[in-house]
Protein backbone atom coordinates (compact mmCIF):
# COMPACT_ATOMS: atom_id res chain seq x y z
CA MET A 1 78.80 45.69 37.84
CA GLY A 2 80.27 48.97 36.82
CA SER A 3 80.01 50.42 33.36
CA THR A 4 83.63 49.59 32.55
CA THR A 5 83.18 45.98 33.66
CA ASP A 6 80.07 45.65 31.51
CA LYS A 7 81.91 47.06 28.51
CA ILE A 8 84.91 44.74 28.98
CA LYS A 9 82.75 41.64 29.44
CA GLY A 10 80.67 42.71 26.47
CA ALA A 11 83.72 43.07 24.25
CA ALA A 12 85.01 39.67 25.39
CA ASN A 13 81.68 38.00 24.64
CA GLU A 14 81.48 39.70 21.25
CA ALA A 15 84.96 38.49 20.35
CA ALA A 16 84.40 34.94 21.60
CA GLY A 17 81.04 34.81 19.86
CA ALA A 18 82.54 35.98 16.58
CA VAL A 19 85.21 33.28 16.78
CA LYS A 20 82.64 30.56 17.54
CA GLN A 21 80.45 31.80 14.73
CA THR A 22 83.34 31.74 12.25
CA VAL A 23 84.57 28.31 13.37
CA GLY A 24 81.04 26.93 13.23
CA LYS A 25 80.56 28.27 9.72
CA ALA A 26 83.95 27.02 8.51
CA SER A 27 83.51 23.56 10.03
CA GLY A 28 79.90 23.15 8.94
CA ASN A 29 78.67 23.10 12.54
CA PRO A 30 75.43 25.12 12.61
CA SER A 31 75.02 24.63 16.38
CA LEU A 32 78.36 26.30 17.08
CA GLU A 33 77.60 29.02 14.56
CA ILE A 34 74.27 29.77 16.29
CA GLU A 35 75.87 29.64 19.73
CA GLY A 36 78.48 32.12 18.55
CA ALA A 37 75.88 34.46 17.14
CA GLY A 38 74.00 34.35 20.44
CA GLN A 39 77.12 35.04 22.46
CA LYS A 40 78.01 37.91 20.14
CA LEU A 41 74.56 39.45 20.67
CA LYS A 42 74.92 38.99 24.42
CA GLY A 43 78.20 40.89 24.25
CA GLU A 44 76.63 43.70 22.28
CA ALA A 45 73.88 43.96 24.89
CA GLN A 46 76.40 44.00 27.74
CA GLY A 47 78.32 46.78 26.03
CA ALA A 48 75.13 48.76 25.57
CA VAL A 49 74.27 48.35 29.26
CA GLY A 50 77.73 49.61 30.16
CA GLY A 51 77.25 52.63 27.92
CA ALA A 52 73.85 53.37 29.43
CA LYS A 53 75.23 53.12 32.97
CA GLU A 54 78.02 55.51 32.03
CA ALA A 55 75.56 57.99 30.50
CA VAL A 56 73.34 57.91 33.60
CA LYS A 57 76.35 58.41 35.87
CA LYS A 58 77.45 61.43 33.83
CA ILE A 59 73.99 62.97 34.10
CA ILE A 60 73.83 62.36 37.85
CA ASP A 61 77.33 63.72 38.40
CA LYS A 62 76.41 67.00 36.61
CA ASP A 63 73.80 67.80 39.26
C-alpha cells in the first residue's frame, strides 16, 4: 500500500472505531466499546505507517 492509502484507511478505522466506542459506551456494551478502541488504535497505527512511508520516500527522492 502507498502512504496515501495507509493514511486514508487509518483515518477510516479511527473514525469507525470512535463511533463504535461511543455507541458501546452509550449503550452499556463494553465489548463494542473495547472493539471500537482497538479499531481506533489500529487506525492510528495505519496513519503512522503512512506517515513513515511518506517520510522515507521524501528522503529517498532527495538523493
